[in-house]
N, C-alpha and C. Protein backbone atom coordinates (compact mmCIF):
# COMPACT_ATOMS: atom_id res chain seq x y z
N MET A 1 -8.80 -13.24 -18.90
CA MET A 1 -8.59 -14.62 -18.54
C MET A 1 -7.35 -15.16 -19.25
N LEU A 2 -7.19 -14.78 -20.51
CA LEU A 2 -6.02 -15.24 -21.25
C LEU A 2 -4.73 -14.68 -20.64
N ARG A 3 -4.77 -13.43 -20.21
CA ARG A 3 -3.59 -12.82 -19.58
C ARG A 3 -3.27 -13.52 -18.27
N ALA A 4 -4.28 -13.84 -17.48
CA ALA A 4 -4.06 -14.53 -16.21
C ALA A 4 -3.45 -15.92 -16.46
N GLN A 5 -3.93 -16.61 -17.48
CA GLN A 5 -3.37 -17.92 -17.82
C GLN A 5 -1.93 -17.79 -18.30
N ARG A 6 -1.70 -16.85 -19.20
CA ARG A 6 -0.38 -16.72 -19.81
C ARG A 6 0.68 -16.33 -18.79
N TYR A 7 0.36 -15.34 -17.94
CA TYR A 7 1.36 -14.81 -17.01
C TYR A 7 1.24 -15.40 -15.61
N LYS A 8 0.32 -16.36 -15.45
CA LYS A 8 0.16 -17.04 -14.16
C LYS A 8 -0.08 -16.03 -13.03
N THR A 9 -0.97 -15.09 -13.28
CA THR A 9 -1.34 -14.10 -12.28
C THR A 9 -2.78 -14.34 -11.84
N PRO A 10 -3.09 -14.01 -10.61
CA PRO A 10 -4.46 -14.23 -10.16
C PRO A 10 -5.44 -13.26 -10.83
N LEU A 11 -6.66 -13.69 -10.91
CA LEU A 11 -7.76 -12.90 -11.45
C LEU A 11 -9.01 -13.34 -10.71
N SER A 12 -9.70 -12.39 -10.13
CA SER A 12 -10.92 -12.74 -9.40
C SER A 12 -12.09 -11.95 -9.98
N LEU A 13 -13.27 -12.47 -9.69
CA LEU A 13 -14.50 -11.86 -10.16
C LEU A 13 -15.46 -11.75 -8.98
N ILE A 14 -16.08 -10.59 -8.87
CA ILE A 14 -17.09 -10.35 -7.84
C ILE A 14 -18.41 -10.07 -8.55
N LEU A 15 -19.45 -10.74 -8.13
CA LEU A 15 -20.80 -10.50 -8.63
C LEU A 15 -21.64 -10.07 -7.44
N PHE A 16 -22.34 -8.95 -7.58
CA PHE A 16 -23.18 -8.51 -6.46
C PHE A 16 -24.47 -7.91 -6.96
N ASP A 17 -25.45 -7.92 -6.08
CA ASP A 17 -26.71 -7.25 -6.40
C ASP A 17 -27.31 -6.65 -5.15
N ILE A 18 -28.29 -5.79 -5.39
CA ILE A 18 -28.97 -5.08 -4.31
C ILE A 18 -30.01 -6.01 -3.71
N ASP A 19 -29.95 -6.16 -2.41
CA ASP A 19 -30.92 -7.00 -1.72
C ASP A 19 -32.30 -6.36 -1.77
N HIS A 20 -33.30 -7.16 -2.09
CA HIS A 20 -34.71 -6.72 -2.10
C HIS A 20 -34.94 -5.51 -3.01
N PHE A 21 -34.30 -5.49 -4.16
CA PHE A 21 -34.43 -4.35 -5.07
C PHE A 21 -35.85 -4.19 -5.59
N LYS A 22 -36.55 -5.28 -5.79
CA LYS A 22 -37.94 -5.20 -6.26
C LYS A 22 -38.79 -4.37 -5.30
N ALA A 23 -38.54 -4.52 -4.00
CA ALA A 23 -39.28 -3.75 -3.00
C ALA A 23 -38.99 -2.26 -3.13
N ILE A 24 -37.76 -1.90 -3.51
CA ILE A 24 -37.42 -0.49 -3.73
C ILE A 24 -38.25 0.05 -4.89
N ASN A 25 -38.27 -0.68 -6.00
CA ASN A 25 -39.05 -0.24 -7.16
C ASN A 25 -40.54 -0.18 -6.83
N ASP A 26 -41.03 -1.17 -6.11
CA ASP A 26 -42.46 -1.21 -5.78
C ASP A 26 -42.85 -0.09 -4.82
N THR A 27 -41.96 0.24 -3.89
CA THR A 27 -42.27 1.26 -2.88
C THR A 27 -42.05 2.68 -3.40
N TYR A 28 -40.94 2.91 -4.08
CA TYR A 28 -40.54 4.26 -4.45
C TYR A 28 -40.71 4.57 -5.94
N GLY A 29 -40.91 3.55 -6.76
CA GLY A 29 -41.03 3.74 -8.20
C GLY A 29 -39.73 3.44 -8.92
N HIS A 30 -39.86 3.19 -10.21
CA HIS A 30 -38.69 2.78 -11.01
C HIS A 30 -37.67 3.90 -11.19
N GLN A 31 -38.10 5.15 -11.23
CA GLN A 31 -37.14 6.24 -11.36
C GLN A 31 -36.23 6.32 -10.15
N VAL A 32 -36.79 6.16 -8.96
CA VAL A 32 -35.97 6.15 -7.74
C VAL A 32 -35.08 4.92 -7.75
N GLY A 33 -35.61 3.78 -8.18
CA GLY A 33 -34.78 2.58 -8.29
C GLY A 33 -33.62 2.78 -9.24
N ASP A 34 -33.89 3.43 -10.38
CA ASP A 34 -32.81 3.74 -11.33
C ASP A 34 -31.78 4.66 -10.70
N ASN A 35 -32.23 5.64 -9.91
CA ASN A 35 -31.29 6.55 -9.24
C ASN A 35 -30.40 5.79 -8.26
N VAL A 36 -30.97 4.80 -7.58
CA VAL A 36 -30.18 3.98 -6.65
C VAL A 36 -29.10 3.23 -7.44
N LEU A 37 -29.44 2.69 -8.60
CA LEU A 37 -28.45 1.98 -9.42
C LEU A 37 -27.32 2.91 -9.83
N VAL A 38 -27.65 4.11 -10.26
CA VAL A 38 -26.64 5.09 -10.68
C VAL A 38 -25.78 5.49 -9.49
N ASP A 39 -26.43 5.81 -8.36
CA ASP A 39 -25.68 6.21 -7.16
C ASP A 39 -24.78 5.09 -6.67
N LEU A 40 -25.29 3.85 -6.68
CA LEU A 40 -24.49 2.72 -6.22
C LEU A 40 -23.28 2.50 -7.12
N SER A 41 -23.47 2.60 -8.42
CA SER A 41 -22.33 2.37 -9.32
C SER A 41 -21.26 3.43 -9.10
N GLY A 42 -21.63 4.68 -8.89
CA GLY A 42 -20.65 5.72 -8.59
C GLY A 42 -19.97 5.49 -7.25
N PHE A 43 -20.75 5.07 -6.27
CA PHE A 43 -20.24 4.78 -4.94
C PHE A 43 -19.18 3.67 -5.00
N ILE A 44 -19.49 2.60 -5.71
CA ILE A 44 -18.56 1.47 -5.85
C ILE A 44 -17.33 1.88 -6.65
N ALA A 45 -17.54 2.59 -7.75
CA ALA A 45 -16.42 3.00 -8.61
C ALA A 45 -15.39 3.81 -7.83
N GLY A 46 -15.84 4.57 -6.86
CA GLY A 46 -14.92 5.36 -6.06
C GLY A 46 -14.19 4.57 -4.98
N ARG A 47 -14.50 3.28 -4.87
CA ARG A 47 -13.91 2.46 -3.81
C ARG A 47 -13.16 1.23 -4.31
N ILE A 48 -12.96 1.15 -5.61
CA ILE A 48 -12.18 0.04 -6.16
C ILE A 48 -10.92 0.60 -6.81
N ARG A 49 -10.01 -0.29 -7.14
CA ARG A 49 -8.74 0.12 -7.74
C ARG A 49 -8.96 0.58 -9.18
N HIS A 50 -8.06 1.41 -9.67
CA HIS A 50 -8.15 1.87 -11.06
C HIS A 50 -8.02 0.73 -12.05
N SER A 51 -7.35 -0.34 -11.65
CA SER A 51 -7.17 -1.49 -12.54
C SER A 51 -8.38 -2.43 -12.56
N ASP A 52 -9.31 -2.25 -11.63
CA ASP A 52 -10.51 -3.08 -11.58
C ASP A 52 -11.53 -2.57 -12.59
N VAL A 53 -12.38 -3.46 -13.04
CA VAL A 53 -13.42 -3.10 -14.00
C VAL A 53 -14.78 -3.36 -13.37
N LEU A 54 -15.58 -2.31 -13.27
CA LEU A 54 -16.94 -2.39 -12.75
C LEU A 54 -17.89 -2.31 -13.93
N ALA A 55 -18.87 -3.21 -13.97
CA ALA A 55 -19.86 -3.20 -15.04
C ALA A 55 -21.22 -3.64 -14.50
N ARG A 56 -22.25 -3.07 -15.07
CA ARG A 56 -23.60 -3.54 -14.74
C ARG A 56 -23.82 -4.82 -15.51
N TRP A 57 -24.21 -5.86 -14.81
CA TRP A 57 -24.39 -7.17 -15.43
C TRP A 57 -25.81 -7.34 -15.93
N GLY A 58 -26.75 -6.76 -15.23
CA GLY A 58 -28.15 -6.83 -15.64
C GLY A 58 -29.04 -6.54 -14.46
N GLY A 59 -30.15 -5.87 -14.70
CA GLY A 59 -31.06 -5.54 -13.60
C GLY A 59 -30.33 -4.81 -12.51
N GLU A 60 -30.33 -5.39 -11.31
CA GLU A 60 -29.62 -4.78 -10.19
C GLU A 60 -28.32 -5.53 -9.89
N GLU A 61 -27.81 -6.29 -10.85
CA GLU A 61 -26.55 -7.03 -10.68
C GLU A 61 -25.39 -6.28 -11.31
N PHE A 62 -24.24 -6.34 -10.63
CA PHE A 62 -23.01 -5.73 -11.10
C PHE A 62 -21.88 -6.75 -10.97
N VAL A 63 -20.85 -6.59 -11.79
CA VAL A 63 -19.63 -7.39 -11.66
C VAL A 63 -18.44 -6.46 -11.48
N ILE A 64 -17.45 -6.97 -10.77
CA ILE A 64 -16.16 -6.30 -10.66
C ILE A 64 -15.11 -7.33 -11.03
N LEU A 65 -14.38 -7.07 -12.10
CA LEU A 65 -13.27 -7.92 -12.51
C LEU A 65 -12.02 -7.35 -11.88
N THR A 66 -11.30 -8.19 -11.12
CA THR A 66 -10.16 -7.71 -10.33
C THR A 66 -8.87 -8.41 -10.74
N PRO A 67 -8.15 -7.86 -11.72
CA PRO A 67 -6.88 -8.48 -12.11
C PRO A 67 -5.84 -8.39 -11.00
N ALA A 68 -4.95 -9.36 -10.97
CA ALA A 68 -3.87 -9.44 -9.99
C ALA A 68 -4.42 -9.44 -8.56
N CYS A 69 -5.51 -10.13 -8.38
CA CYS A 69 -6.20 -10.15 -7.09
C CYS A 69 -6.61 -11.59 -6.78
N THR A 70 -6.14 -12.12 -5.67
CA THR A 70 -6.52 -13.47 -5.27
C THR A 70 -7.95 -13.47 -4.74
N VAL A 71 -8.50 -14.64 -4.57
CA VAL A 71 -9.86 -14.73 -4.05
C VAL A 71 -9.95 -14.17 -2.64
N ASP A 72 -8.91 -14.35 -1.84
CA ASP A 72 -8.92 -13.80 -0.49
C ASP A 72 -8.92 -12.27 -0.52
N MET A 73 -8.13 -11.69 -1.40
CA MET A 73 -8.12 -10.24 -1.54
C MET A 73 -9.47 -9.73 -2.05
N ALA A 74 -10.03 -10.42 -3.02
CA ALA A 74 -11.33 -10.01 -3.58
C ALA A 74 -12.44 -10.17 -2.54
N PHE A 75 -12.34 -11.21 -1.72
CA PHE A 75 -13.33 -11.41 -0.67
C PHE A 75 -13.28 -10.26 0.34
N ARG A 76 -12.06 -9.85 0.73
CA ARG A 76 -11.94 -8.71 1.65
C ARG A 76 -12.50 -7.44 1.01
N MET A 77 -12.24 -7.26 -0.28
CA MET A 77 -12.79 -6.10 -0.99
C MET A 77 -14.32 -6.14 -0.95
N ALA A 78 -14.89 -7.29 -1.24
CA ALA A 78 -16.35 -7.43 -1.25
C ALA A 78 -16.93 -7.17 0.14
N ALA A 79 -16.31 -7.73 1.16
CA ALA A 79 -16.80 -7.53 2.53
C ALA A 79 -16.71 -6.06 2.92
N ASN A 80 -15.64 -5.39 2.53
CA ASN A 80 -15.50 -3.96 2.81
C ASN A 80 -16.54 -3.14 2.05
N LEU A 81 -16.80 -3.51 0.82
CA LEU A 81 -17.83 -2.81 0.04
C LEU A 81 -19.20 -3.01 0.67
N ALA A 82 -19.49 -4.22 1.11
CA ALA A 82 -20.78 -4.48 1.76
C ALA A 82 -20.95 -3.60 3.00
N ALA A 83 -19.90 -3.48 3.80
CA ALA A 83 -19.96 -2.64 5.00
C ALA A 83 -20.14 -1.17 4.65
N ALA A 84 -19.44 -0.72 3.61
CA ALA A 84 -19.56 0.68 3.20
C ALA A 84 -20.96 0.99 2.68
N ILE A 85 -21.51 0.08 1.90
CA ILE A 85 -22.87 0.26 1.37
C ILE A 85 -23.87 0.29 2.51
N ARG A 86 -23.72 -0.61 3.43
CA ARG A 86 -24.63 -0.72 4.58
C ARG A 86 -24.70 0.58 5.38
N SER A 87 -23.61 1.33 5.43
CA SER A 87 -23.56 2.54 6.25
C SER A 87 -23.84 3.82 5.46
N HIS A 88 -24.10 3.70 4.18
CA HIS A 88 -24.32 4.88 3.32
C HIS A 88 -25.81 5.04 3.03
N ALA A 89 -26.28 6.28 2.99
CA ALA A 89 -27.68 6.56 2.64
C ALA A 89 -27.77 6.84 1.14
N PHE A 90 -28.70 6.19 0.48
CA PHE A 90 -28.89 6.33 -0.96
C PHE A 90 -30.19 7.10 -1.23
N GLY A 91 -30.09 8.42 -1.18
CA GLY A 91 -31.20 9.29 -1.53
C GLY A 91 -32.47 9.00 -0.74
N ALA A 92 -33.60 9.03 -1.44
CA ALA A 92 -34.91 8.84 -0.82
C ALA A 92 -35.05 7.46 -0.19
N VAL A 93 -34.32 6.49 -0.69
CA VAL A 93 -34.42 5.11 -0.20
C VAL A 93 -33.72 4.95 1.15
N GLY A 94 -32.69 5.71 1.36
CA GLY A 94 -31.92 5.58 2.60
C GLY A 94 -30.95 4.41 2.52
N LYS A 95 -30.97 3.56 3.50
CA LYS A 95 -30.01 2.45 3.59
C LYS A 95 -30.44 1.29 2.70
N ILE A 96 -29.44 0.70 2.06
CA ILE A 96 -29.63 -0.53 1.29
C ILE A 96 -28.53 -1.50 1.69
N THR A 97 -28.68 -2.73 1.27
CA THR A 97 -27.61 -3.72 1.44
C THR A 97 -27.42 -4.45 0.12
N CYS A 98 -26.25 -5.06 0.00
CA CYS A 98 -25.94 -5.85 -1.19
C CYS A 98 -25.35 -7.19 -0.77
N SER A 99 -25.56 -8.19 -1.60
CA SER A 99 -24.97 -9.51 -1.41
C SER A 99 -23.92 -9.72 -2.49
N PHE A 100 -22.82 -10.39 -2.12
CA PHE A 100 -21.66 -10.53 -2.99
C PHE A 100 -21.24 -11.99 -3.14
N GLY A 101 -20.94 -12.40 -4.36
CA GLY A 101 -20.28 -13.66 -4.64
C GLY A 101 -18.89 -13.38 -5.15
N VAL A 102 -17.93 -14.20 -4.77
CA VAL A 102 -16.53 -13.97 -5.13
C VAL A 102 -15.93 -15.28 -5.61
N VAL A 103 -15.15 -15.21 -6.68
CA VAL A 103 -14.51 -16.40 -7.23
C VAL A 103 -13.16 -16.01 -7.82
N GLU A 104 -12.23 -16.95 -7.81
CA GLU A 104 -10.94 -16.74 -8.48
C GLU A 104 -10.88 -17.61 -9.72
N PHE A 105 -10.39 -17.03 -10.78
CA PHE A 105 -10.24 -17.74 -12.06
C PHE A 105 -9.28 -18.90 -11.89
N GLU A 106 -9.64 -20.03 -12.47
CA GLU A 106 -8.77 -21.21 -12.52
C GLU A 106 -8.50 -21.53 -13.98
N ASP A 107 -7.36 -22.14 -14.25
CA ASP A 107 -6.97 -22.44 -15.63
C ASP A 107 -8.04 -23.23 -16.39
N SER A 108 -8.78 -24.05 -15.68
CA SER A 108 -9.80 -24.86 -16.34
C SER A 108 -11.09 -24.09 -16.59
N ASP A 109 -11.20 -22.86 -16.10
CA ASP A 109 -12.42 -22.08 -16.27
C ASP A 109 -12.59 -21.59 -17.70
N THR A 110 -13.84 -21.53 -18.10
CA THR A 110 -14.25 -20.76 -19.28
C THR A 110 -15.02 -19.56 -18.73
N ALA A 111 -15.37 -18.63 -19.58
CA ALA A 111 -16.18 -17.51 -19.12
C ALA A 111 -17.48 -18.02 -18.49
N GLU A 112 -18.04 -19.06 -19.08
CA GLU A 112 -19.30 -19.61 -18.58
C GLU A 112 -19.14 -20.26 -17.22
N THR A 113 -18.07 -21.05 -17.02
CA THR A 113 -17.90 -21.71 -15.73
C THR A 113 -17.54 -20.71 -14.64
N LEU A 114 -16.77 -19.70 -14.99
CA LEU A 114 -16.43 -18.66 -14.03
C LEU A 114 -17.70 -17.94 -13.57
N MET A 115 -18.56 -17.58 -14.52
CA MET A 115 -19.81 -16.91 -14.17
C MET A 115 -20.73 -17.83 -13.38
N ALA A 116 -20.77 -19.10 -13.73
CA ALA A 116 -21.63 -20.04 -13.00
C ALA A 116 -21.16 -20.17 -11.56
N ARG A 117 -19.85 -20.23 -11.35
CA ARG A 117 -19.32 -20.37 -9.99
C ARG A 117 -19.55 -19.12 -9.16
N VAL A 118 -19.38 -17.94 -9.76
CA VAL A 118 -19.60 -16.71 -8.99
C VAL A 118 -21.09 -16.53 -8.71
N ASP A 119 -21.93 -16.97 -9.64
CA ASP A 119 -23.37 -16.91 -9.42
C ASP A 119 -23.78 -17.83 -8.26
N GLU A 120 -23.16 -18.99 -8.17
CA GLU A 120 -23.42 -19.89 -7.05
C GLU A 120 -23.02 -19.25 -5.72
N ALA A 121 -21.90 -18.53 -5.73
CA ALA A 121 -21.45 -17.86 -4.50
C ALA A 121 -22.42 -16.75 -4.11
N LEU A 122 -22.93 -16.01 -5.09
CA LEU A 122 -23.93 -14.97 -4.80
C LEU A 122 -25.19 -15.61 -4.23
N TYR A 123 -25.61 -16.70 -4.81
CA TYR A 123 -26.78 -17.41 -4.31
C TYR A 123 -26.56 -17.85 -2.86
N LEU A 124 -25.36 -18.34 -2.56
CA LEU A 124 -25.03 -18.75 -1.20
C LEU A 124 -25.10 -17.56 -0.24
N ALA A 125 -24.62 -16.39 -0.67
CA ALA A 125 -24.70 -15.20 0.17
C ALA A 125 -26.15 -14.85 0.48
N LYS A 126 -27.02 -15.00 -0.51
CA LYS A 126 -28.44 -14.71 -0.30
C LYS A 126 -29.06 -15.76 0.63
N MET A 127 -28.72 -17.01 0.45
CA MET A 127 -29.28 -18.07 1.29
C MET A 127 -28.79 -17.97 2.74
N ASN A 128 -27.61 -17.39 2.93
CA ASN A 128 -27.04 -17.26 4.28
C ASN A 128 -27.42 -15.94 4.95
N GLY A 129 -28.42 -15.24 4.42
CA GLY A 129 -28.93 -14.07 5.11
C GLY A 129 -28.75 -12.74 4.41
N ARG A 130 -28.16 -12.71 3.25
CA ARG A 130 -27.95 -11.46 2.49
C ARG A 130 -26.99 -10.53 3.22
N ASP A 131 -26.68 -9.39 2.57
CA ASP A 131 -25.80 -8.38 3.16
C ASP A 131 -24.48 -8.99 3.60
N ARG A 132 -23.89 -9.80 2.73
CA ARG A 132 -22.66 -10.51 3.05
C ARG A 132 -21.95 -10.93 1.77
N ALA A 133 -20.73 -11.41 1.91
CA ALA A 133 -19.96 -11.95 0.80
C ALA A 133 -19.70 -13.42 1.05
N GLU A 134 -19.71 -14.18 -0.04
CA GLU A 134 -19.39 -15.61 0.02
C GLU A 134 -18.44 -15.94 -1.11
N MET A 135 -17.51 -16.86 -0.84
CA MET A 135 -16.57 -17.32 -1.87
C MET A 135 -17.11 -18.57 -2.54
N ALA A 136 -16.85 -18.68 -3.83
CA ALA A 136 -17.21 -19.88 -4.57
C ALA A 136 -16.22 -20.99 -4.27
N LEU A 137 -16.72 -22.19 -4.34
CA LEU A 137 -15.84 -23.35 -4.19
C LEU A 137 -14.99 -23.49 -5.44
N ARG A 138 -13.85 -24.07 -5.25
CA ARG A 138 -13.00 -24.36 -6.40
C ARG A 138 -13.62 -25.50 -7.19
N HIS A 139 -13.21 -25.62 -8.44
CA HIS A 139 -13.66 -26.76 -9.23
C HIS A 139 -13.27 -28.04 -8.52
N PRO A 140 -14.13 -29.02 -8.53
CA PRO A 140 -13.74 -30.29 -7.91
C PRO A 140 -12.56 -30.90 -8.66
N VAL A 141 -11.65 -31.42 -7.90
CA VAL A 141 -10.48 -32.08 -8.49
C VAL A 141 -10.78 -33.56 -8.58
N ALA A 142 -10.62 -34.12 -9.75
CA ALA A 142 -10.90 -35.54 -9.93
C ALA A 142 -9.90 -36.36 -9.12
N ALA A 143 -10.43 -37.36 -8.44
CA ALA A 143 -9.55 -38.25 -7.67
C ALA A 143 -8.81 -39.15 -8.63
N PRO A 144 -7.55 -39.41 -8.33
CA PRO A 144 -6.80 -40.31 -9.21
C PRO A 144 -7.44 -41.69 -9.20
N HIS A 145 -7.33 -42.36 -10.31
CA HIS A 145 -7.88 -43.70 -10.41
C HIS A 145 -7.06 -44.63 -9.52
N LEU A 146 -7.74 -45.27 -8.61
CA LEU A 146 -7.05 -46.18 -7.70
C LEU A 146 -7.34 -47.62 -8.11
N ALA A 147 -6.34 -48.26 -8.57
CA ALA A 147 -6.48 -49.65 -8.98
C ALA A 147 -5.85 -50.54 -7.90
N PRO A 148 -6.49 -51.67 -7.65
CA PRO A 148 -5.88 -52.55 -6.65
C PRO A 148 -4.51 -53.03 -7.10
N THR A 149 -3.62 -53.15 -6.15
CA THR A 149 -2.28 -53.65 -6.48
C THR A 149 -2.25 -55.16 -6.27
N ALA A 150 -1.45 -55.82 -7.05
CA ALA A 150 -1.37 -57.29 -6.97
C ALA A 150 -0.45 -57.75 -5.89
């Protein structure tokens, strides 16, 4: 974030998780669920740029930090990843889907606000039917104070 601020370069963040992962664990067991997580992380790692950072965020959630990537570029990446996941078979489970939230870092962001905004975008993807990507809204811009003129 500091590098993006200093050099005025874009930085985007993608947050995604496996749709209905609890059902996978309940149906196939936690070991199979763990295998899906491992397989998915390898699958994603092979489809992102070397400069991107993929990390498990928690449970079935992952993040991809995409330096020098605008929100539009990150959104296309997320949509392409969703399509690739949708068409790939993951072991005993077979087909899975993932939902993606996408946000671009803004100078006013902190790590907390960036994560909150990308989490909102992921929530929106889930509310809009899952197996999709959604972009986070930009921070609201305060309206200038309008004083009556004499």
